[in-house]
Amino acid sequence: MRTPSLRARRGLTVAAATALPLVLAGPAALAAGVDVRADGSTVTATTASCPNGGSAALLDSGQADFAQGRQTSLGSGRAVWRDLRPGTYQTVVVCSDGSTLGPVPVTVSARPATDPSARPVGGVQGGLGGTVRDAGTLTLAVGAALVASASLGGAWYLRRRALGRRG
């Protein structure tokens, strides 16, 4: 039995090392042409591979095929899904000519605490008052009595201090 030469063994090693990334990139090669991004609870898929349009589906972990996913049409090569729960999803695009792109995995993180584009509605509720409901006569009378007694107590304290009697 003849053993392969050193060059042949090295050649096979180089060929295997070259082919390995191509084999591992197989699923990514199927998804070529689809850019999927998650921003908060919104996922956007963009592709230029479907010039005549098509549709896209977002599949969660329990869904296996396109028909089970959250489907939307590709408007100008773009599909958007909003208000998603955190988790890992798969995006699949089917062009109108029947070609399929994907699945492309995407991870949706927790929803952002605040929307940076949101603006507050109305003015600041500051200053005197700030109550939203009517307080009633009894509440107003008790509040006025507290303010009056605090004013009288403050005046009495300052008067005694001015006369030199501390305490």
Protein backbone atom coordinates (compact mmCIF):
# COMPACT_ATOMS: atom_id res chain seq x y z
CA MET A 1 0.00 0.00 0.00
CA ARG A 2 1.37 3.34 -1.00
CA THR A 3 1.24 6.35 1.32
CA PRO A 4 0.38 9.72 -0.17
CA SER A 5 3.21 12.13 -0.51
CA LEU A 6 3.66 15.09 1.79
CA ARG A 7 2.53 17.51 -0.92
CA ALA A 8 -0.71 15.62 -1.50
CA ARG A 9 -1.52 15.63 2.21
CA ARG A 10 -0.81 19.35 2.43
CA GLY A 11 -2.95 19.96 -0.64
CA LEU A 12 -5.88 18.11 0.91
CA THR A 13 -5.45 20.05 4.14
CA VAL A 14 -5.44 23.37 2.29
CA ALA A 15 -8.50 22.34 0.26
CA ALA A 16 -10.39 21.32 3.39
CA ALA A 17 -9.42 24.54 5.15
CA THR A 18 -10.62 26.55 2.14
CA ALA A 19 -13.92 24.66 1.80
CA LEU A 20 -14.82 24.68 5.48
CA PRO A 21 -15.83 28.38 5.66
CA LEU A 22 -17.90 27.96 2.50
CA VAL A 23 -19.74 24.97 3.97
CA LEU A 24 -20.36 26.77 7.27
CA ALA A 25 -21.57 29.87 5.40
CA GLY A 26 -24.20 27.85 3.54
CA PRO A 27 -27.21 29.19 5.46
CA ALA A 28 -25.83 32.71 5.22
CA ALA A 29 -25.37 32.31 1.47
CA LEU A 30 -29.07 31.45 1.15
CA ALA A 31 -29.91 34.68 2.95
CA ALA A 32 -27.65 36.83 0.78
CA GLY A 33 -29.40 39.97 -0.33
CA VAL A 34 -31.57 40.45 2.78
CA ASP A 35 -30.60 42.94 5.45
CA VAL A 36 -32.54 42.39 8.70
CA ARG A 37 -32.24 44.81 11.62
CA ALA A 38 -33.92 45.05 15.01
CA ASP A 39 -34.45 48.39 16.72
CA GLY A 40 -36.20 48.04 20.06
CA SER A 41 -39.44 46.17 19.32
CA THR A 42 -39.35 46.80 15.55
CA VAL A 43 -37.77 44.55 12.91
CA THR A 44 -37.04 45.81 9.40
CA ALA A 45 -36.07 43.58 6.46
CA THR A 46 -34.66 45.25 3.34
CA THR A 47 -33.81 43.59 0.03
CA ALA A 48 -33.00 44.58 -3.51
CA SER A 49 -33.27 40.97 -4.70
CA CYS A 50 -37.03 41.20 -5.35
CA PRO A 51 -37.47 43.93 -8.01
CA ASN A 52 -41.10 42.95 -8.66
CA GLY A 53 -42.07 42.80 -5.00
CA GLY A 54 -43.11 39.86 -2.92
CA SER A 55 -43.86 39.18 0.72
CA ALA A 56 -41.96 38.52 3.92
CA ALA A 57 -42.75 36.58 7.07
CA LEU A 58 -41.40 36.80 10.59
CA LEU A 59 -41.37 33.42 12.33
CA ASP A 60 -40.97 32.95 16.07
CA SER A 61 -39.40 29.88 17.64
CA GLY A 62 -42.57 27.75 17.46
CA GLN A 63 -43.23 28.34 13.75
CA ALA A 64 -41.73 26.24 10.98
CA ASP A 65 -42.89 27.62 7.63
CA PHE A 66 -43.76 30.85 5.85
CA ALA A 67 -47.54 30.43 6.18
CA GLN A 68 -47.36 30.31 9.99
CA GLY A 69 -45.38 33.56 10.35
CA ARG A 70 -46.44 37.17 10.62
CA GLN A 71 -46.69 38.07 6.93
CA THR A 72 -46.38 41.45 5.29
CA SER A 73 -45.83 42.64 1.73
CA LEU A 74 -42.54 44.04 0.49
CA GLY A 75 -43.20 47.70 -0.14
CA SER A 76 -40.25 49.15 -2.10
CA GLY A 77 -38.17 46.15 -1.05
CA ARG A 78 -38.86 46.70 2.64
CA ALA A 79 -40.94 44.89 5.26
CA VAL A 80 -41.53 46.16 8.81
CA TRP A 81 -42.91 44.39 11.90
CA ARG A 82 -43.71 46.47 15.01
CA ASP A 83 -44.52 45.84 18.67
CA LEU A 84 -42.65 42.55 18.96
CA ARG A 85 -41.87 40.79 22.20
CA PRO A 86 -38.22 40.14 23.05
CA GLY A 87 -36.88 36.92 21.56
CA THR A 88 -35.25 35.36 18.52
CA TYR A 89 -37.09 35.35 15.19
CA GLN A 90 -36.44 34.11 11.64
CA THR A 91 -37.12 36.32 8.63
CA VAL A 92 -38.06 34.71 5.31
CA VAL A 93 -38.61 36.64 2.06
CA VAL A 94 -40.48 35.17 -0.93
CA CYS A 95 -40.17 37.19 -4.13
CA SER A 96 -43.04 37.40 -6.61
CA ASP A 97 -41.03 35.19 -9.00
CA GLY A 98 -41.06 32.40 -6.36
CA SER A 99 -37.45 32.66 -5.20
CA THR A 100 -36.91 32.45 -1.46
CA LEU A 101 -34.39 34.39 0.62
CA GLY A 102 -33.64 33.35 4.16
CA PRO A 103 -34.22 32.40 6.84
CA VAL A 104 -32.24 35.19 8.47
CA PRO A 105 -32.14 35.15 12.29
CA VAL A 106 -32.77 38.35 14.22
CA THR A 107 -32.89 39.00 17.97
CA VAL A 108 -35.32 41.50 19.42
CA SER A 109 -34.13 42.94 22.70
CA ALA A 110 -36.24 44.44 25.45
CA ARG A 111 -38.34 47.39 24.47
CA PRO A 112 -36.68 50.76 24.92
CA ALA A 113 -37.69 52.53 28.14
CA THR A 114 -38.66 55.68 26.28
CA ASP A 115 -39.15 56.58 22.68
CA PRO A 116 -36.63 59.33 21.87
CA SER A 117 -38.97 60.81 19.26
CA ALA A 118 -41.92 61.08 21.67
CA ARG A 119 -42.73 64.49 23.06
CA PRO A 120 -44.65 65.23 26.23
CA VAL A 121 -48.24 66.31 25.80
CA GLY A 122 -49.32 69.46 27.64
CA GLY A 123 -47.43 71.68 30.02
CA VAL A 124 -45.62 70.96 33.24
CA GLN A 125 -47.94 70.62 36.22
CA GLY A 126 -46.03 72.75 38.69
CA GLY A 127 -46.56 75.75 40.89
CA LEU A 128 -49.49 76.10 43.26
CA GLY A 129 -51.90 73.24 43.28
CA GLY A 130 -51.37 70.61 40.67
CA THR A 131 -54.50 68.65 41.57
CA VAL A 132 -56.41 67.06 38.78
CA ARG A 133 -59.71 66.58 40.59
CA ASP A 134 -61.86 68.91 42.66
CA ALA A 135 -60.63 68.86 46.28
CA GLY A 136 -63.92 69.78 47.96
CA THR A 137 -64.80 72.41 50.57
CA LEU A 138 -63.61 70.46 53.63
CA THR A 139 -60.17 69.79 52.14
CA LEU A 140 -59.76 73.45 51.16
CA ALA A 141 -60.81 74.62 54.66
CA VAL A 142 -58.34 72.27 56.37
CA GLY A 143 -55.58 73.40 54.01
CA ALA A 144 -56.34 77.07 54.66
CA ALA A 145 -56.33 76.46 58.45
CA LEU A 146 -52.90 74.77 58.21
CA VAL A 147 -51.47 77.65 56.17
CA ALA A 148 -52.93 80.24 58.60
CA SER A 149 -51.58 78.45 61.69
CA ALA A 150 -48.13 78.09 60.11
CA SER A 151 -48.12 81.81 59.27
CA LEU A 152 -49.21 82.83 62.80
CA GLY A 153 -46.67 80.46 64.38
CA GLY A 154 -43.87 81.84 62.19
CA ALA A 155 -44.81 85.45 63.00
CA TRP A 156 -44.95 84.71 66.74
CA TYR A 157 -41.49 83.03 66.63
CA LEU A 158 -39.91 85.90 64.72
CA ARG A 159 -41.49 88.50 67.07
CA ARG A 160 -40.14 86.75 70.18
CA ARG A 161 -36.70 86.48 68.63
CA ALA A 162 -36.66 90.19 67.70
CA LEU A 163 -37.47 91.15 71.33
CA GLY A 164 -34.49 89.12 72.58
CA ARG A 165 -36.51 86.37 74.23
CA ARG A 166 -35.32 83.12 72.82
CA GLY A 167 -37.14 79.91 73.22
